[in-house]
PDB file of all heavy atoms in Angstrom:
ATOM      1  N   THR A   1      12.363   8.847   9.807  1.00  0.00           N
ATOM      2  CA  THR A   1      12.315  10.286  10.089  1.00  0.00           C
ATOM      3  C   THR A   1      11.628  11.038   8.954  1.00  0.00           C
ATOM      4  O   THR A   1      10.829  11.963   9.186  1.00  0.00           O
ATOM      5  CB  THR A   1      13.729  10.841  10.318  1.00  0.00           C
ATOM      6  OG1 THR A   1      14.313  10.172  11.425  1.00  0.00           O
ATOM      7  CG2 THR A   1      13.704  12.335  10.582  1.00  0.00           C
ATOM      8  N   ILE A   2      11.923  10.645   7.725  1.00  0.00           N
ATOM      9  CA  ILE A   2      11.248  11.262   6.575  1.00  0.00           C
ATOM     10  C   ILE A   2       9.758  10.971   6.633  1.00  0.00           C
ATOM     11  O   ILE A   2       8.912  11.869   6.490  1.00  0.00           O
ATOM     12  CB  ILE A   2      11.854  10.751   5.253  1.00  0.00           C
ATOM     13  CG1 ILE A   2      13.332  11.102   5.161  1.00  0.00           C
ATOM     14  CG2 ILE A   2      11.084  11.333   4.059  1.00  0.00           C
ATOM     15  CD1 ILE A   2      14.046  10.485   3.961  1.00  0.00           C
ATOM     16  N   ALA A   3       9.400   9.694   6.849  1.00  0.00           N
ATOM     17  CA  ALA A   3       7.988   9.298   6.855  1.00  0.00           C
ATOM     18  C   ALA A   3       7.220   9.990   7.975  1.00  0.00           C
ATOM     19  O   ALA A   3       6.089  10.465   7.771  1.00  0.00           O
ATOM     20  CB  ALA A   3       7.893   7.785   6.995  1.00  0.00           C
ATOM     21  N   THR A   4       7.810  10.058   9.159  1.00  0.00           N
ATOM     22  CA  THR A   4       7.135  10.695  10.297  1.00  0.00           C
ATOM     23  C   THR A   4       6.919  12.180  10.044  1.00  0.00           C
ATOM     24  O   THR A   4       5.840  12.734  10.326  1.00  0.00           O
ATOM     25  CB  THR A   4       7.963  10.490  11.581  1.00  0.00           C
ATOM     26  OG1 THR A   4       8.075   9.091  11.841  1.00  0.00           O
ATOM     27  CG2 THR A   4       7.313  11.182  12.771  1.00  0.00           C
ATOM     28  N   THR A   5       7.945  12.847   9.506  1.00  0.00           N
ATOM     29  CA  THR A   5       7.820  14.279   9.198  1.00  0.00           C
ATOM     30  C   THR A   5       6.690  14.513   8.209  1.00  0.00           C
ATOM     31  O   THR A   5       5.851  15.420   8.393  1.00  0.00           O
ATOM     32  CB  THR A   5       9.140  14.813   8.630  1.00  0.00           C
ATOM     33  OG1 THR A   5      10.178  14.622   9.589  1.00  0.00           O
ATOM     34  CG2 THR A   5       9.027  16.288   8.282  1.00  0.00           C
ATOM     35  N   ARG A   6       6.629  13.706   7.180  1.00  0.00           N
ATOM     36  CA  ARG A   6       5.606  13.889   6.141  1.00  0.00           C
ATOM     37  C   ARG A   6       4.212  13.502   6.632  1.00  0.00           C
ATOM     38  O   ARG A   6       3.214  14.062   6.164  1.00  0.00           O
ATOM     39  CB  ARG A   6       6.004  13.093   4.893  1.00  0.00           C
ATOM     40  CG  ARG A   6       7.257  13.660   4.236  1.00  0.00           C
ATOM     41  CD  ARG A   6       7.722  12.850   3.029  1.00  0.00           C
ATOM     42  NE  ARG A   6       8.882  13.505   2.412  1.00  0.00           N
ATOM     43  CZ  ARG A   6       9.494  13.061   1.325  1.00  0.00           C
ATOM     44  NH1 ARG A   6       9.058  11.947   0.720  1.00  0.00           N
ATOM     45  NH2 ARG A   6      10.531  13.707   0.838  1.00  0.00           N
ATOM     46  N   ARG A   7       4.148  12.554   7.553  1.00  0.00           N
ATOM     47  CA  ARG A   7       2.846  12.185   8.123  1.00  0.00           C
ATOM     48  C   ARG A   7       2.337  13.278   9.071  1.00  0.00           C
ATOM     49  O   ARG A   7       1.149  13.626   9.068  1.00  0.00           O
ATOM     50  CB  ARG A   7       2.977  10.855   8.869  1.00  0.00           C
ATOM     51  CG  ARG A   7       1.650  10.364   9.455  1.00  0.00           C
ATOM     52  CD  ARG A   7       1.787   8.968  10.050  1.00  0.00           C
ATOM     53  NE  ARG A   7       2.757   8.921  11.144  1.00  0.00           N
ATOM     54  CZ  ARG A   7       3.933   8.306  11.070  1.00  0.00           C
ATOM     55  NH1 ARG A   7       4.306   7.692   9.952  1.00  0.00           N
ATOM     56  NH2 ARG A   7       4.755   8.297  12.101  1.00  0.00           N
ATOM     57  N   ASN A   8       3.235  13.838   9.863  1.00  0.00           N
ATOM     58  CA  ASN A   8       2.818  14.839  10.844  1.00  0.00           C
ATOM     59  C   ASN A   8       2.495  16.186  10.216  1.00  0.00           C
ATOM     60  O   ASN A   8       1.630  16.925  10.711  1.00  0.00           O
ATOM     61  CB  ASN A   8       3.922  15.025  11.887  1.00  0.00           C
ATOM     62  CG  ASN A   8       4.105  13.800  12.768  1.00  0.00           C
ATOM     63  OD1 ASN A   8       3.285  12.883  12.748  1.00  0.00           O
ATOM     64  ND2 ASN A   8       5.185  13.773  13.542  1.00  0.00           N
ATOM     65  N   ILE A   9       3.214  16.523   9.151  1.00  0.00           N
ATOM     66  CA  ILE A   9       2.961  17.785   8.431  1.00  0.00           C
ATOM     67  C   ILE A   9       2.737  17.398   6.969  1.00  0.00           C
ATOM     68  O   ILE A   9       3.673  17.404   6.170  1.00  0.00           O
ATOM     69  CB  ILE A   9       4.148  18.760   8.576  1.00  0.00           C
ATOM     70  CG1 ILE A   9       4.510  18.956  10.048  1.00  0.00           C
ATOM     71  CG2 ILE A   9       3.817  20.111   7.923  1.00  0.00           C
ATOM     72  CD1 ILE A   9       5.760  19.800  10.280  1.00  0.00           C
ATOM     73  N   PRO A  10       1.516  17.042   6.584  1.00  0.00           N
ATOM     74  CA  PRO A  10       1.256  16.377   5.293  1.00  0.00           C
ATOM     75  C   PRO A  10       1.177  17.343   4.105  1.00  0.00           C
ATOM     76  O   PRO A  10       0.135  17.489   3.452  1.00  0.00           O
ATOM     77  CB  PRO A  10      -0.071  15.666   5.530  1.00  0.00           C
ATOM     78  CG  PRO A  10      -0.784  16.533   6.513  1.00  0.00           C
ATOM     79  CD  PRO A  10       0.289  17.100   7.412  1.00  0.00           C
ATOM     80  N   LEU A  11       2.289  17.961   3.806  1.00  0.00           N
ATOM     81  CA  LEU A  11       2.296  18.931   2.712  1.00  0.00           C
ATOM     82  C   LEU A  11       1.861  18.325   1.384  1.00  0.00           C
ATOM     83  O   LEU A  11       1.216  18.996   0.567  1.00  0.00           O
ATOM     84  CB  LEU A  11       3.709  19.518   2.559  1.00  0.00           C
ATOM     85  CG  LEU A  11       4.314  20.243   3.759  1.00  0.00           C
ATOM     86  CD1 LEU A  11       5.696  20.791   3.394  1.00  0.00           C
ATOM     87  CD2 LEU A  11       3.408  21.360   4.246  1.00  0.00           C
ATOM     88  N   SER A  12       2.219  17.054   1.159  1.00  0.00           N
ATOM     89  CA  SER A  12       1.971  16.461  -0.158  1.00  0.00           C
ATOM     90  C   SER A  12       0.491  16.358  -0.492  1.00  0.00           C
ATOM     91  O   SER A  12       0.118  16.343  -1.671  1.00  0.00           O
ATOM     92  CB  SER A  12       2.616  15.077  -0.251  1.00  0.00           C
ATOM     93  OG  SER A  12       2.025  14.190   0.680  1.00  0.00           O
ATOM     94  N   THR A  13      -0.361  16.285   0.532  1.00  0.00           N
ATOM     95  CA  THR A  13      -1.804  16.197   0.278  1.00  0.00           C
ATOM     96  C   THR A  13      -2.502  17.545   0.424  1.00  0.00           C
ATOM     97  O   THR A  13      -3.717  17.629   0.217  1.00  0.00           O
ATOM     98  CB  THR A  13      -2.458  15.195   1.250  1.00  0.00           C
ATOM     99  OG1 THR A  13      -2.270  15.645   2.601  1.00  0.00           O
ATOM    100  CG2 THR A  13      -1.844  13.804   1.077  1.00  0.00           C
ATOM    101  N   GLN A  14      -1.750  18.581   0.776  1.00  0.00           N
ATOM    102  CA  GLN A  14      -2.361  19.882   1.041  1.00  0.00           C
ATOM    103  C   GLN A  14      -2.057  20.927  -0.017  1.00  0.00           C
ATOM    104  O   GLN A  14      -2.557  22.057   0.066  1.00  0.00           O
ATOM    105  CB  GLN A  14      -1.886  20.385   2.415  1.00  0.00           C
ATOM    106  CG  GLN A  14      -2.347  19.502   3.566  1.00  0.00           C
ATOM    107  CD  GLN A  14      -1.730  19.906   4.894  1.00  0.00           C
ATOM    108  OE1 GLN A  14      -0.623  20.441   4.938  1.00  0.00           O
ATOM    109  NE2 GLN A  14      -2.432  19.639   5.975  1.00  0.00           N
ATOM    110  N   ARG A  15      -1.250  20.566  -1.006  1.00  0.00           N
ATOM    111  CA  ARG A  15      -0.900  21.542  -2.036  1.00  0.00           C
ATOM    112  C   ARG A  15      -2.113  21.866  -2.887  1.00  0.00           C
ATOM    113  O   ARG A  15      -2.963  21.010  -3.153  1.00  0.00           O
ATOM    114  CB  ARG A  15       0.261  21.036  -2.894  1.00  0.00           C
ATOM    115  CG  ARG A  15       1.572  20.989  -2.117  1.00  0.00           C
ATOM    116  CD  ARG A  15       2.776  20.733  -3.011  1.00  0.00           C
ATOM    117  NE  ARG A  15       4.006  20.910  -2.240  1.00  0.00           N
ATOM    118  CZ  ARG A  15       4.614  19.954  -1.566  1.00  0.00           C
ATOM    119  NH1 ARG A  15       4.135  18.721  -1.609  1.00  0.00           N
ATOM    120  NH2 ARG A  15       5.707  20.196  -0.862  1.00  0.00           N
ATOM    121  N   ARG A  16      -2.174  23.110  -3.398  1.00  0.00           N
ATOM    122  CA  ARG A  16      -3.331  23.607  -4.141  1.00  0.00           C
ATOM    123  C   ARG A  16      -2.929  23.919  -5.574  1.00  0.00           C
ATOM    124  O   ARG A  16      -2.671  25.060  -5.937  1.00  0.00           O
ATOM    125  CB  ARG A  16      -3.876  24.870  -3.447  1.00  0.00           C
ATOM    126  CG  ARG A  16      -4.520  24.603  -2.091  1.00  0.00           C
ATOM    127  CD  ARG A  16      -5.877  23.908  -2.233  1.00  0.00           C
ATOM    128  NE  ARG A  16      -6.733  24.632  -3.147  1.00  0.00           N
ATOM    129  CZ  ARG A  16      -7.483  25.703  -2.811  1.00  0.00           C
ATOM    130  NH1 ARG A  16      -7.453  26.150  -1.568  1.00  0.00           N
ATOM    131  NH2 ARG A  16      -8.241  26.306  -3.702  1.00  0.00           N
ATOM    132  N   PHE A  17      -2.850  22.868  -6.405  1.00  0.00           N
ATOM    133  CA  PHE A  17      -2.445  23.075  -7.792  1.00  0.00           C
ATOM    134  C   PHE A  17      -3.570  23.678  -8.626  1.00  0.00           C
ATOM    135  O   PHE A  17      -3.377  23.976  -9.808  1.00  0.00           O
ATOM    136  CB  PHE A  17      -1.942  21.767  -8.396  1.00  0.00           C
ATOM    137  CG  PHE A  17      -0.704  21.232  -7.729  1.00  0.00           C
ATOM    138  CD1 PHE A  17      -0.580  19.897  -7.394  1.00  0.00           C
ATOM    139  CD2 PHE A  17       0.350  22.090  -7.404  1.00  0.00           C
ATOM    140  CE1 PHE A  17       0.553  19.421  -6.770  1.00  0.00           C
ATOM    141  CE2 PHE A  17       1.495  21.619  -6.772  1.00  0.00           C
ATOM    142  CZ  PHE A  17       1.595  20.278  -6.456  1.00  0.00           C
ATOM    143  N   ASP A  18      -4.747  23.877  -7.999  1.00  0.00           N
ATOM    144  CA  ASP A  18      -5.794  24.661  -8.649  1.00  0.00           C
ATOM    145  C   ASP A  18      -5.552  26.164  -8.460  1.00  0.00           C
ATOM    146  O   ASP A  18      -6.138  26.995  -9.154  1.00  0.00           O
ATOM    147  CB  ASP A  18      -7.170  24.304  -8.091  1.00  0.00           C
ATOM    148  CG  ASP A  18      -7.274  24.523  -6.584  1.00  0.00           C
ATOM    149  OD1 ASP A  18      -6.273  24.278  -5.868  1.00  0.00           O
ATOM    150  OD2 ASP A  18      -8.351  24.940  -6.111  1.00  0.00           O
ATOM    151  N   VAL A  19      -4.642  26.496  -7.547  1.00  0.00           N
ATOM    152  CA  VAL A  19      -4.332  27.898  -7.254  1.00  0.00           C
ATOM    153  C   VAL A  19      -3.005  28.311  -7.892  1.00  0.00           C
ATOM    154  O   VAL A  19      -2.847  29.436  -8.359  1.00  0.00           O
ATOM    155  CB  VAL A  19      -4.279  28.124  -5.722  1.00  0.00           C
ATOM    156  CG1 VAL A  19      -3.852  29.554  -5.385  1.00  0.00           C
ATOM    157  CG2 VAL A  19      -5.623  27.794  -5.095  1.00  0.00           C
ATOM    158  N   TYR A  20      -2.042  27.387  -7.907  1.00  0.00           N
ATOM    159  CA  TYR A  20      -0.708  27.666  -8.451  1.00  0.00           C
ATOM    160  C   TYR A  20      -0.235  26.413  -9.198  1.00  0.00           C
ATOM    161  O   TYR A  20      -0.736  25.307  -8.948  1.00  0.00           O
ATOM    162  CB  TYR A  20       0.279  28.057  -7.347  1.00  0.00           C
ATOM    163  CG  TYR A  20       0.195  27.196  -6.116  1.00  0.00           C
ATOM    164  CD1 TYR A  20       0.787  25.929  -6.073  1.00  0.00           C
ATOM    165  CD2 TYR A  20      -0.477  27.631  -4.976  1.00  0.00           C
ATOM    166  CE1 TYR A  20       0.709  25.131  -4.951  1.00  0.00           C
ATOM    167  CE2 TYR A  20      -0.559  26.840  -3.842  1.00  0.00           C
ATOM    168  CZ  TYR A  20       0.028  25.590  -3.835  1.00  0.00           C
ATOM    169  OH  TYR A  20      -0.059  24.799  -2.725  1.00  0.00           O
ATOM    170  N   PRO A  21       0.725  26.563 -10.099  1.00  0.00           N
ATOM    171  CA  PRO A  21       1.154  25.409 -10.905  1.00  0.00           C
ATOM    172  C   PRO A  21       2.049  24.453 -10.130  1.00  0.00           C
ATOM    173  O   PRO A  21       2.717  24.831  -9.168  1.00  0.00           O
ATOM    174  CB  PRO A  21       1.922  26.057 -12.067  1.00  0.00           C
ATOM    175  CG  PRO A  21       2.402  27.357 -11.524  1.00  0.00           C
ATOM    176  CD  PRO A  21       1.350  27.828 -10.559  1.00  0.00           C
ATOM    177  N   ASP A  22       2.051  23.200 -10.573  1.00  0.00           N
ATOM    178  CA  ASP A  22       2.925  22.167 -10.026  1.00  0.00           C
ATOM    179  C   ASP A  22       4.217  22.169 -10.834  1.00  0.00           C
ATOM    180  O   ASP A  22       4.226  21.791 -12.008  1.00  0.00           O
ATOM    181  CB  ASP A  22       2.220  20.810 -10.133  1.00  0.00           C
ATOM    182  CG  ASP A  22       3.075  19.657  -9.625  1.00  0.00           C
ATOM    183  OD1 ASP A  22       4.202  19.909  -9.154  1.00  0.00           O
ATOM    184  OD2 ASP A  22       2.612  18.504  -9.716  1.00  0.00           O
ATOM    185  N   VAL A  23       5.316  22.591 -10.216  1.00  0.00           N
ATOM    186  CA  VAL A  23       6.588  22.667 -10.931  1.00  0.00           C
ATOM    187  C   VAL A  23       7.016  21.300 -11.447  1.00  0.00           C
ATOM    188  O   VAL A  23       7.687  21.181 -12.474  1.00  0.00           O
ATOM    189  CB  VAL A  23       7.686  23.285 -10.036  1.00  0.00           C
ATOM    190  CG1 VAL A  23       8.015  22.396  -8.852  1.00  0.00           C
ATOM    191  CG2 VAL A  23       8.945  23.574 -10.829  1.00  0.00           C
ATOM    192  N   ASN A  24       6.578  20.237 -10.772  1.00  0.00           N
ATOM    193  CA  ASN A  24       6.943  18.886 -11.185  1.00  0.00           C
ATOM    194  C   ASN A  24       6.170  18.412 -12.417  1.00  0.00           C
ATOM    195  O   ASN A  24       6.530  17.403 -13.029  1.00  0.00           O
ATOM    196  CB  ASN A  24       6.713  17.913 -10.025  1.00  0.00           C
ATOM    197  CG  ASN A  24       7.253  16.540 -10.298  1.00  0.00           C
ATOM    198  OD1 ASN A  24       8.385  16.386 -10.741  1.00  0.00           O
ATOM    199  ND2 ASN A  24       6.442  15.521 -10.053  1.00  0.00           N
ATOM    200  N   ALA A  25       5.125  19.134 -12.786  1.00  0.00           N
ATOM    201  CA  ALA A  25       4.314  18.734 -13.937  1.00  0.00           C
ATOM    202  C   ALA A  25       4.726  19.473 -15.206  1.00  0.00           C
ATOM    203  O   ALA A  25       4.187  19.210 -16.277  1.00  0.00           O
ATOM    204  CB  ALA A  25       2.833  18.988 -13.645  1.00  0.00           C
ATOM    205  N   GLY A  26       5.656  20.386 -15.097  1.00  0.00           N
ATOM    206  CA  GLY A  26       6.085  21.164 -16.256  1.00  0.00           C
ATOM    207  C   GLY A  26       7.140  20.447 -17.066  1.00  0.00           C
ATOM    208  O   GLY A  26       7.443  19.269 -16.854  1.00  0.00           O
ATOM    209  N   LYS A  27       7.734  21.179 -17.985  1.00  0.00           N
ATOM    210  CA  LYS A  27       8.807  20.635 -18.803  1.00  0.00           C
ATOM    211  C   LYS A  27      10.085  20.603 -17.969  1.00  0.00           C
ATOM    212  O   LYS A  27      10.563  21.634 -17.498  1.00  0.00           O
ATOM    213  CB  LYS A  27       9.018  21.502 -20.047  1.00  0.00           C
ATOM    214  CG  LYS A  27      10.098  20.977 -20.986  1.00  0.00           C
ATOM    215  CD  LYS A  27      10.270  21.887 -22.188  1.00  0.00           C
ATOM    216  CE  LYS A  27      11.388  21.373 -23.085  1.00  0.00           C
ATOM    217  NZ  LYS A  27      11.596  22.281 -24.271  1.00  0.00           N
ATOM    218  N   ILE A  28      10.646  19.419 -17.781  1.00  0.00           N
ATOM    219  CA  ILE A  28      11.825  19.237 -16.930  1.00  0.00           C
ATOM    220  C   ILE A  28      12.880  18.491 -17.724  1.00  0.00           C
ATOM    221  O   ILE A  28      12.590  17.489 -18.377  1.00  0.00           O
ATOM    222  CB  ILE A  28      11.483  18.442 -15.660  1.00  0.00           C
ATOM    223  CG1 ILE A  28      10.344  19.125 -14.888  1.00  0.00           C
ATOM    224  CG2 ILE A  28      12.709  18.297 -14.760  1.00  0.00           C
ATOM    225  CD1 ILE A  28       9.754  18.269 -13.789  1.00  0.00           C
ATOM    226  N   SER A  29      14.102  18.964 -17.660  1.00  0.00           N
ATOM    227  CA  SER A  29      15.204  18.307 -18.355  1.00  0.00           C
ATOM    228  C   SER A  29      15.954  17.386 -17.396  1.00  0.00           C
ATOM    229  O   SER A  29      16.476  17.832 -16.374  1.00  0.00           O
ATOM    230  CB  SER A  29      16.176  19.346 -18.929  1.00  0.00           C
ATOM    231  OG  SER A  29      17.300  18.707 -19.484  1.00  0.00           O
TER     232      SER A  29
END
C-alpha cells in the first residue's frame, strides 16, 4: 500500500529543493 501510493503520486521525485529547503538535509537531532 505504501509502495503503490508513492508510485501513483510520486512526491519523492517531484520536490523542488531548488525552490525551498529540504528539511531532511538540515541539522537534525
